[in-house]
Amino acid sequence: MSGGSARSAGAAGPAAPVEVGHLPKPYVPPPLKPSLPLGVAVLAVLIALVGIILLIAGALVLLNLLMGTTVVPTTYLITKSVDEYGAAILVVLGAAMLALSRALWDLERWALYVTVGLLFAGLTYLFFTGSITVLFVFALVIFIYLLTVRHHFY
């Protein structure tokens, strides 16, 4: 009968969790953060600078075209003969290049694919027009470099 009373006393209250003080803390691995290669950082900064220049150039031309007067003197404009559609394309292209440079800085894989695709298109154009110059060699070096550091992108 004493066994039945012990069983009923244990069933009445909730079981307390067992704590063991000698076990180590569970292992939590650090989050994986790939390193930014120096060449990708330089390329992202250069693309951002070109994007800023295109964005400002398109915005200034749009400002001159929409205001009707010459707000910005034409000697300061990069593009002299651009209509409103061309200026809008410059603004959109500049904003896209800024987004692309930010994504390259963050090592996003889609930015790598877009950059490699644009470089390939430029290299193809330069090759078939017979313009194998320093620009062609420079673009080819960047193309090969991006293919070699593709494992850093996620």
Protein backbone atom coordinates (compact mmCIF):
# COMPACT_ATOMS: atom_id res chain seq x y z
CA MET A 1 0.00 0.00 0.00
CA SER A 2 2.89 2.35 0.59
CA GLY A 3 3.86 2.01 -3.10
CA GLY A 4 0.38 3.18 -4.14
CA SER A 5 0.58 6.28 -1.95
CA ALA A 6 3.99 7.24 -3.38
CA ARG A 7 2.66 6.82 -6.88
CA SER A 8 -0.37 9.00 -6.24
CA ALA A 9 1.79 11.73 -4.64
CA GLY A 10 4.09 11.85 -7.68
CA ALA A 11 1.20 11.97 -10.13
CA ALA A 12 -0.46 14.89 -8.35
CA GLY A 13 2.28 17.49 -9.06
CA PRO A 14 4.00 18.29 -12.36
CA ALA A 15 7.37 16.76 -12.86
CA ALA A 16 10.18 19.29 -12.34
CA PRO A 17 12.72 19.49 -15.18
CA VAL A 18 16.03 17.95 -14.42
CA GLU A 19 18.93 20.40 -14.62
CA VAL A 20 22.43 19.14 -15.03
CA GLY A 21 25.15 21.66 -14.26
CA HIS A 22 28.12 19.85 -15.79
CA LEU A 23 27.03 19.85 -19.49
CA PRO A 24 28.62 22.43 -21.82
CA LYS A 25 26.59 25.08 -23.60
CA PRO A 26 25.26 24.01 -27.01
CA TYR A 27 27.44 24.97 -29.96
CA VAL A 28 26.08 27.75 -32.13
CA PRO A 29 28.16 28.23 -35.29
CA PRO A 30 28.92 31.81 -36.31
CA PRO A 31 26.99 33.07 -39.32
CA LEU A 32 28.79 32.67 -42.63
CA LYS A 33 29.86 36.00 -44.08
CA PRO A 34 31.93 35.70 -47.24
CA SER A 35 34.83 38.08 -47.57
CA LEU A 36 34.69 40.90 -50.09
CA PRO A 37 37.49 40.55 -52.65
CA LEU A 38 39.40 43.77 -53.27
CA GLY A 39 38.78 43.70 -57.02
CA VAL A 40 35.02 43.37 -56.54
CA ALA A 41 35.09 46.30 -54.10
CA VAL A 42 36.99 48.48 -56.58
CA LEU A 43 34.64 47.44 -59.39
CA ALA A 44 31.57 48.22 -57.27
CA VAL A 45 32.94 51.69 -56.44
CA LEU A 46 33.74 52.40 -60.11
CA ILE A 47 30.28 51.28 -61.22
CA ALA A 48 28.73 53.47 -58.51
CA LEU A 49 30.73 56.49 -59.67
CA VAL A 50 29.64 55.98 -63.29
CA GLY A 51 26.05 55.53 -62.09
CA ILE A 52 26.17 58.79 -60.13
CA ILE A 53 27.61 60.64 -63.14
CA LEU A 54 24.92 59.27 -65.47
CA LEU A 55 22.16 60.02 -62.96
CA ILE A 56 23.29 63.61 -62.47
CA ALA A 57 23.87 64.15 -66.20
CA GLY A 58 20.39 62.89 -67.07
CA ALA A 59 18.76 64.87 -64.28
CA LEU A 60 20.47 68.10 -65.37
CA VAL A 61 19.41 67.62 -68.98
CA LEU A 62 15.84 66.89 -67.85
CA LEU A 63 15.93 69.98 -65.67
CA ASN A 64 16.99 72.12 -68.63
CA LEU A 65 14.40 70.57 -70.93
CA LEU A 66 11.49 70.79 -68.50
CA MET A 67 12.14 74.29 -67.14
CA GLY A 68 12.21 75.78 -70.61
CA THR A 69 15.13 78.02 -69.77
CA THR A 70 18.75 77.20 -69.36
CA VAL A 71 18.98 76.46 -65.63
CA VAL A 72 22.31 74.75 -66.05
CA PRO A 73 24.68 76.22 -68.67
CA THR A 74 25.22 73.84 -71.56
CA THR A 75 28.99 74.03 -71.07
CA TYR A 76 28.57 72.06 -67.83
CA LEU A 77 26.50 69.29 -69.38
CA ILE A 78 28.15 66.01 -70.34
CA THR A 79 25.60 65.29 -73.03
CA LYS A 80 24.89 68.20 -75.34
CA SER A 81 22.23 66.88 -77.73
CA VAL A 82 19.88 64.59 -75.82
CA ASP A 83 16.11 64.76 -75.93
CA GLU A 84 13.86 64.07 -72.96
CA TYR A 85 13.70 60.33 -73.67
CA GLY A 86 17.47 60.05 -73.79
CA ALA A 87 17.78 62.00 -70.56
CA ALA A 88 15.20 59.76 -68.88
CA ILE A 89 17.13 56.70 -70.08
CA LEU A 90 20.30 58.19 -68.57
CA VAL A 91 18.54 58.66 -65.23
CA VAL A 92 17.18 55.10 -65.23
CA LEU A 93 20.54 53.67 -66.33
CA GLY A 94 22.34 55.61 -63.59
CA ALA A 95 19.92 54.36 -60.94
CA ALA A 96 20.29 50.78 -62.22
CA MET A 97 24.07 51.06 -62.06
CA LEU A 98 23.86 52.33 -58.48
CA ALA A 99 21.68 49.34 -57.55
CA LEU A 100 24.08 47.00 -59.35
CA SER A 101 27.08 48.41 -57.51
CA ARG A 102 25.33 48.02 -54.15
CA ALA A 103 24.47 44.42 -54.97
CA LEU A 104 28.06 43.74 -56.05
CA TRP A 105 29.25 45.20 -52.74
CA ASP A 106 26.87 42.84 -50.91
CA LEU A 107 28.15 39.92 -53.05
CA GLU A 108 24.76 39.01 -54.46
CA ARG A 109 24.89 36.38 -57.16
CA TRP A 110 22.44 38.09 -59.53
CA ALA A 111 24.71 41.15 -59.63
CA LEU A 112 27.60 38.93 -60.67
CA TYR A 113 25.53 37.44 -63.49
CA VAL A 114 24.35 40.86 -64.71
CA THR A 115 27.89 42.29 -64.63
CA VAL A 116 29.39 39.28 -66.41
CA GLY A 117 26.58 39.42 -69.01
CA LEU A 118 27.14 43.13 -69.66
CA LEU A 119 30.89 42.60 -69.90
CA PHE A 120 30.36 39.72 -72.32
CA ALA A 121 28.06 41.86 -74.48
CA GLY A 122 30.62 44.66 -74.50
CA LEU A 123 33.46 42.29 -75.33
CA THR A 124 31.44 40.75 -78.16
CA TYR A 125 30.69 44.18 -79.58
CA LEU A 126 34.32 45.27 -79.36
CA PHE A 127 35.52 42.02 -80.92
CA PHE A 128 33.17 42.07 -83.90
CA THR A 129 33.73 45.75 -84.63
CA GLY A 130 37.48 45.19 -84.70
CA SER A 131 38.13 47.45 -81.71
CA ILE A 132 40.64 45.27 -79.91
CA THR A 133 42.32 47.99 -77.89
CA VAL A 134 43.29 48.63 -74.29
CA LEU A 135 39.58 48.86 -73.42
CA PHE A 136 39.03 45.35 -74.80
CA VAL A 137 41.94 43.93 -72.79
CA PHE A 138 40.79 45.75 -69.64
CA ALA A 139 37.22 44.43 -70.01
CA LEU A 140 38.57 40.93 -70.68
CA VAL A 141 40.69 41.03 -67.50
CA ILE A 142 37.65 42.13 -65.45
CA PHE A 143 35.56 39.38 -67.08
CA ILE A 144 38.09 36.67 -66.21
CA TYR A 145 38.55 38.08 -62.69
CA LEU A 146 34.82 37.99 -61.98
CA LEU A 147 34.66 34.39 -63.16
CA THR A 148 37.49 33.44 -60.82
CA VAL A 149 35.96 35.06 -57.71
CA ARG A 150 32.42 33.81 -58.31
CA HIS A 151 32.65 31.44 -55.32
CA HIS A 152 32.58 34.50 -53.00
CA PHE A 153 29.05 35.37 -54.15
CA TYR A 154 26.01 33.80 -52.51
